[in-house]
């Protein structure tokens, strides 16, 4: 496995973990058994998780934009991640 692929796999693994954590927080936020304070805490946690998730995606997109590796390299590792990267790249255009 070449260095680029290894880096993309590591970034993908982080992305998957961030995505999972964000989804778990949203599920907890939607729970009906939460107090108002707990709902507010989870809302803040979801916003923070969204920010970290978006920052990670933007970091990967910037690596593509700066030709550290290509969008095709990302797509070979994970097509869903490549779609997320493409959205960021199109929004920056």
N, C-alpha and C. Protein backbone atom coordinates (compact mmCIF):
# COMPACT_ATOMS: atom_id res chain seq x y z
N UNK A 1 0.86 -1.17 0.00
CA UNK A 1 0.00 0.00 0.00
C UNK A 1 0.91 1.24 0.00
N UNK A 2 0.60 2.18 -0.88
CA UNK A 2 1.42 3.39 -0.94
C UNK A 2 1.07 4.36 0.18
N UNK A 3 1.93 5.34 0.37
CA UNK A 3 1.78 6.30 1.48
C UNK A 3 0.47 7.09 1.38
N UNK A 4 0.11 7.51 0.16
CA UNK A 4 -1.13 8.28 -0.01
C UNK A 4 -2.35 7.47 0.43
N UNK A 5 -2.40 6.24 0.00
CA UNK A 5 -3.53 5.38 0.35
C UNK A 5 -3.58 5.16 1.85
N UNK A 6 -2.44 4.95 2.46
CA UNK A 6 -2.38 4.76 3.91
C UNK A 6 -2.91 5.99 4.65
N UNK A 7 -2.51 7.17 4.21
CA UNK A 7 -2.99 8.41 4.83
C UNK A 7 -4.50 8.55 4.65
N UNK A 8 -4.99 8.28 3.46
CA UNK A 8 -6.42 8.40 3.20
C UNK A 8 -7.20 7.40 4.06
N UNK A 9 -6.69 6.21 4.22
CA UNK A 9 -7.35 5.21 5.06
C UNK A 9 -7.42 5.70 6.51
N UNK A 10 -6.34 6.28 6.99
CA UNK A 10 -6.34 6.81 8.36
C UNK A 10 -7.35 7.95 8.50
N UNK A 11 -7.38 8.86 7.52
CA UNK A 11 -8.34 9.96 7.55
C UNK A 11 -9.78 9.44 7.44
N UNK A 12 -9.97 8.41 6.63
CA UNK A 12 -11.30 7.81 6.49
C UNK A 12 -11.75 7.21 7.82
N UNK A 13 -10.84 6.53 8.51
CA UNK A 13 -11.18 5.92 9.79
C UNK A 13 -11.60 6.98 10.81
N UNK A 14 -10.90 8.10 10.82
CA UNK A 14 -11.27 9.21 11.71
C UNK A 14 -12.63 9.75 11.30
N UNK A 15 -12.84 9.93 10.00
CA UNK A 15 -14.12 10.42 9.48
C UNK A 15 -15.26 9.51 9.90
N UNK A 16 -15.06 8.20 9.78
CA UNK A 16 -16.11 7.26 10.17
C UNK A 16 -16.42 7.36 11.66
N UNK A 17 -15.39 7.51 12.47
CA UNK A 17 -15.59 7.64 13.91
C UNK A 17 -16.34 8.93 14.24
N UNK A 18 -15.95 10.03 13.62
CA UNK A 18 -16.64 11.31 13.84
C UNK A 18 -18.10 11.23 13.40
N UNK A 19 -18.33 10.60 12.28
CA UNK A 19 -19.69 10.44 11.76
C UNK A 19 -20.53 9.62 12.73
N UNK A 20 -19.97 8.52 13.24
CA UNK A 20 -20.67 7.67 14.18
C UNK A 20 -20.99 8.42 15.47
N UNK A 21 -20.02 9.15 16.00
CA UNK A 21 -20.24 9.91 17.23
C UNK A 21 -21.33 10.96 17.06
N UNK A 22 -21.30 11.63 15.91
CA UNK A 22 -22.31 12.65 15.62
C UNK A 22 -23.70 12.03 15.56
N UNK A 23 -23.82 10.89 14.89
CA UNK A 23 -25.11 10.21 14.78
C UNK A 23 -25.61 9.74 16.14
N UNK A 24 -24.70 9.24 16.98
CA UNK A 24 -25.10 8.78 18.32
C UNK A 24 -25.59 9.94 19.17
N UNK A 25 -24.95 11.10 19.05
CA UNK A 25 -25.39 12.27 19.80
C UNK A 25 -26.78 12.74 19.35
N UNK A 26 -27.02 12.69 18.05
CA UNK A 26 -28.33 13.09 17.52
C UNK A 26 -29.41 12.15 18.06
N UNK A 27 -29.12 10.86 18.10
CA UNK A 27 -30.09 9.89 18.63
C UNK A 27 -30.38 10.19 20.10
N UNK A 28 -29.33 10.48 20.86
CA UNK A 28 -29.54 10.80 22.28
C UNK A 28 -30.33 12.10 22.43
N UNK A 29 -30.05 13.07 21.58
CA UNK A 29 -30.77 14.34 21.64
C UNK A 29 -32.26 14.15 21.38
N UNK A 30 -32.60 13.21 20.52
CA UNK A 30 -33.99 12.97 20.16
C UNK A 30 -34.74 12.11 21.19
N UNK A 31 -34.03 11.66 22.20
CA UNK A 31 -34.66 10.86 23.25
C UNK A 31 -35.70 11.69 23.99
N UNK A 32 -36.83 11.06 24.30
CA UNK A 32 -37.92 11.77 24.97
C UNK A 32 -37.73 11.84 26.48
N UNK A 33 -36.77 11.13 27.01
CA UNK A 33 -36.59 11.05 28.46
C UNK A 33 -35.59 12.07 29.00
N UNK A 34 -35.26 13.07 28.22
CA UNK A 34 -34.25 14.05 28.64
C UNK A 34 -34.90 15.26 29.31
N UNK A 35 -34.20 15.75 30.30
CA UNK A 35 -34.63 17.01 30.91
C UNK A 35 -34.24 18.15 29.96
N UNK A 36 -34.73 19.33 30.23
CA UNK A 36 -34.38 20.48 29.39
C UNK A 36 -32.88 20.75 29.42
N UNK A 37 -32.27 20.59 30.60
CA UNK A 37 -30.82 20.79 30.71
C UNK A 37 -30.05 19.75 29.90
N UNK A 38 -30.50 18.51 29.96
CA UNK A 38 -29.85 17.45 29.19
C UNK A 38 -30.00 17.69 27.69
N UNK A 39 -31.19 18.12 27.28
CA UNK A 39 -31.41 18.43 25.86
C UNK A 39 -30.47 19.53 25.40
N UNK A 40 -30.31 20.55 26.22
CA UNK A 40 -29.42 21.66 25.87
C UNK A 40 -27.98 21.17 25.80
N UNK A 41 -27.57 20.31 26.73
CA UNK A 41 -26.22 19.75 26.71
C UNK A 41 -25.98 18.95 25.44
N UNK A 42 -26.95 18.11 25.08
CA UNK A 42 -26.79 17.31 23.86
C UNK A 42 -26.83 18.18 22.61
N UNK A 43 -27.63 19.23 22.63
CA UNK A 43 -27.67 20.14 21.48
C UNK A 43 -26.30 20.78 21.27
N UNK A 44 -25.68 21.22 22.35
CA UNK A 44 -24.34 21.81 22.28
C UNK A 44 -23.34 20.76 21.81
N UNK A 45 -23.47 19.54 22.31
CA UNK A 45 -22.57 18.45 21.91
C UNK A 45 -22.71 18.14 20.43
N UNK A 46 -23.94 18.14 19.92
CA UNK A 46 -24.18 17.88 18.49
C UNK A 46 -23.56 18.99 17.64
N UNK A 47 -23.74 20.23 18.06
CA UNK A 47 -23.15 21.35 17.32
C UNK A 47 -21.63 21.23 17.30
N UNK A 48 -21.04 20.87 18.41
CA UNK A 48 -19.59 20.68 18.46
C UNK A 48 -19.14 19.53 17.58
N UNK A 49 -19.88 18.43 17.62
CA UNK A 49 -19.55 17.27 16.78
C UNK A 49 -19.67 17.63 15.30
N UNK A 50 -20.70 18.42 14.95
CA UNK A 50 -20.85 18.87 13.56
C UNK A 50 -19.65 19.71 13.13
N UNK A 51 -19.21 20.60 14.01
CA UNK A 51 -18.07 21.46 13.68
C UNK A 51 -16.79 20.65 13.48
N UNK A 52 -16.55 19.68 14.33
CA UNK A 52 -15.35 18.84 14.21
C UNK A 52 -15.44 18.01 12.93
N UNK A 53 -16.62 17.45 12.65
CA UNK A 53 -16.84 16.66 11.44
C UNK A 53 -16.57 17.50 10.20
N UNK A 54 -17.16 18.68 10.15
CA UNK A 54 -16.98 19.56 8.99
C UNK A 54 -15.51 19.99 8.84
N UNK A 55 -14.84 20.26 9.92
CA UNK A 55 -13.43 20.65 9.86
C UNK A 55 -12.59 19.51 9.30
N UNK A 56 -12.90 18.29 9.69
CA UNK A 56 -12.15 17.14 9.20
C UNK A 56 -12.38 16.97 7.69
N UNK A 57 -13.63 17.08 7.26
CA UNK A 57 -13.94 16.97 5.83
C UNK A 57 -13.22 18.07 5.05
N UNK A 58 -13.24 19.30 5.56
CA UNK A 58 -12.57 20.41 4.88
C UNK A 58 -11.07 20.18 4.81
N UNK A 59 -10.49 19.59 5.84
CA UNK A 59 -9.07 19.29 5.83
C UNK A 59 -8.74 18.31 4.70
N UNK A 60 -9.53 17.27 4.58
CA UNK A 60 -9.30 16.30 3.50
C UNK A 60 -9.48 16.97 2.15
N UNK A 61 -10.52 17.79 2.02
CA UNK A 61 -10.77 18.50 0.76
C UNK A 61 -9.61 19.43 0.40
N UNK A 62 -9.05 20.09 1.39
CA UNK A 62 -7.91 20.99 1.12
C UNK A 62 -6.70 20.19 0.66
N UNK A 63 -6.52 19.00 1.20
CA UNK A 63 -5.43 18.15 0.73
C UNK A 63 -5.61 17.77 -0.73
N UNK A 64 -6.87 17.53 -1.13
CA UNK A 64 -7.16 17.23 -2.53
C UNK A 64 -6.91 18.48 -3.38
N UNK A 65 -7.43 19.61 -2.91
CA UNK A 65 -7.27 20.87 -3.65
C UNK A 65 -5.79 21.23 -3.84
N UNK A 66 -4.98 20.93 -2.84
CA UNK A 66 -3.55 21.23 -2.90
C UNK A 66 -2.73 20.11 -3.53
N UNK A 67 -3.42 19.14 -4.12
CA UNK A 67 -2.80 18.04 -4.85
C UNK A 67 -1.89 17.16 -4.00
N UNK A 68 -2.18 17.07 -2.70
CA UNK A 68 -1.44 16.13 -1.86
C UNK A 68 -1.81 14.71 -2.26
N UNK A 69 -3.09 14.52 -2.55
CA UNK A 69 -3.60 13.31 -3.17
C UNK A 69 -4.83 13.73 -3.96
N UNK A 70 -5.30 12.87 -4.84
CA UNK A 70 -6.39 13.26 -5.73
C UNK A 70 -7.75 12.79 -5.20
N UNK A 71 -8.78 13.38 -5.77
CA UNK A 71 -10.14 12.96 -5.44
C UNK A 71 -10.31 11.49 -5.80
N UNK A 72 -9.72 11.07 -6.91
CA UNK A 72 -9.79 9.67 -7.34
C UNK A 72 -9.14 8.75 -6.31
N UNK A 73 -8.03 9.23 -5.71
CA UNK A 73 -7.38 8.44 -4.65
C UNK A 73 -8.34 8.22 -3.49
N UNK A 74 -9.06 9.28 -3.12
CA UNK A 74 -10.05 9.18 -2.03
C UNK A 74 -11.17 8.24 -2.45
N UNK A 75 -11.65 8.38 -3.67
CA UNK A 75 -12.75 7.55 -4.16
C UNK A 75 -12.39 6.07 -4.14
N UNK A 76 -11.13 5.74 -4.44
CA UNK A 76 -10.69 4.35 -4.41
C UNK A 76 -10.79 3.75 -3.01
N UNK A 77 -10.57 4.58 -2.00
CA UNK A 77 -10.62 4.11 -0.62
C UNK A 77 -12.06 4.07 -0.11
N UNK A 78 -12.83 5.14 -0.39
CA UNK A 78 -14.21 5.20 0.12
C UNK A 78 -15.02 6.15 -0.74
N UNK A 79 -15.97 5.61 -1.47
CA UNK A 79 -16.76 6.45 -2.38
C UNK A 79 -17.66 7.43 -1.63
N UNK A 80 -18.16 7.05 -0.46
CA UNK A 80 -19.01 7.96 0.31
C UNK A 80 -18.21 9.16 0.81
N UNK A 81 -17.00 8.90 1.26
CA UNK A 81 -16.13 10.00 1.68
C UNK A 81 -15.81 10.90 0.49
N UNK A 82 -15.58 10.31 -0.65
CA UNK A 82 -15.29 11.10 -1.85
C UNK A 82 -16.45 12.02 -2.20
N UNK A 83 -17.67 11.56 -2.00
CA UNK A 83 -18.85 12.39 -2.26
C UNK A 83 -18.87 13.58 -1.31
N UNK A 84 -18.57 13.34 -0.04
CA UNK A 84 -18.51 14.43 0.94
C UNK A 84 -17.43 15.44 0.56
N UNK A 85 -16.30 14.96 0.10
CA UNK A 85 -15.19 15.83 -0.31
C UNK A 85 -15.60 16.64 -1.53
N UNK A 86 -16.27 16.00 -2.47
CA UNK A 86 -16.71 16.68 -3.68
C UNK A 86 -17.66 17.83 -3.35
N UNK A 87 -18.56 17.62 -2.38
CA UNK A 87 -19.49 18.68 -1.98
C UNK A 87 -18.72 19.91 -1.47
N UNK A 88 -17.70 19.68 -0.67
CA UNK A 88 -16.89 20.77 -0.11
C UNK A 88 -16.14 21.48 -1.24
N UNK A 89 -15.56 20.71 -2.13
CA UNK A 89 -14.80 21.30 -3.23
C UNK A 89 -15.70 22.13 -4.14
N UNK A 90 -16.91 21.65 -4.39
CA UNK A 90 -17.85 22.40 -5.23
C UNK A 90 -18.31 23.66 -4.52
N UNK A 91 -18.50 23.60 -3.23
CA UNK A 91 -18.94 24.77 -2.47
C UNK A 91 -17.85 25.85 -2.45
N UNK A 92 -16.58 25.42 -2.49
CA UNK A 92 -15.47 26.38 -2.49
C UNK A 92 -15.22 27.00 -3.85
N UNK A 93 -15.79 26.39 -4.89
CA UNK A 93 -15.54 26.89 -6.25
C UNK A 93 -16.32 28.13 -6.56
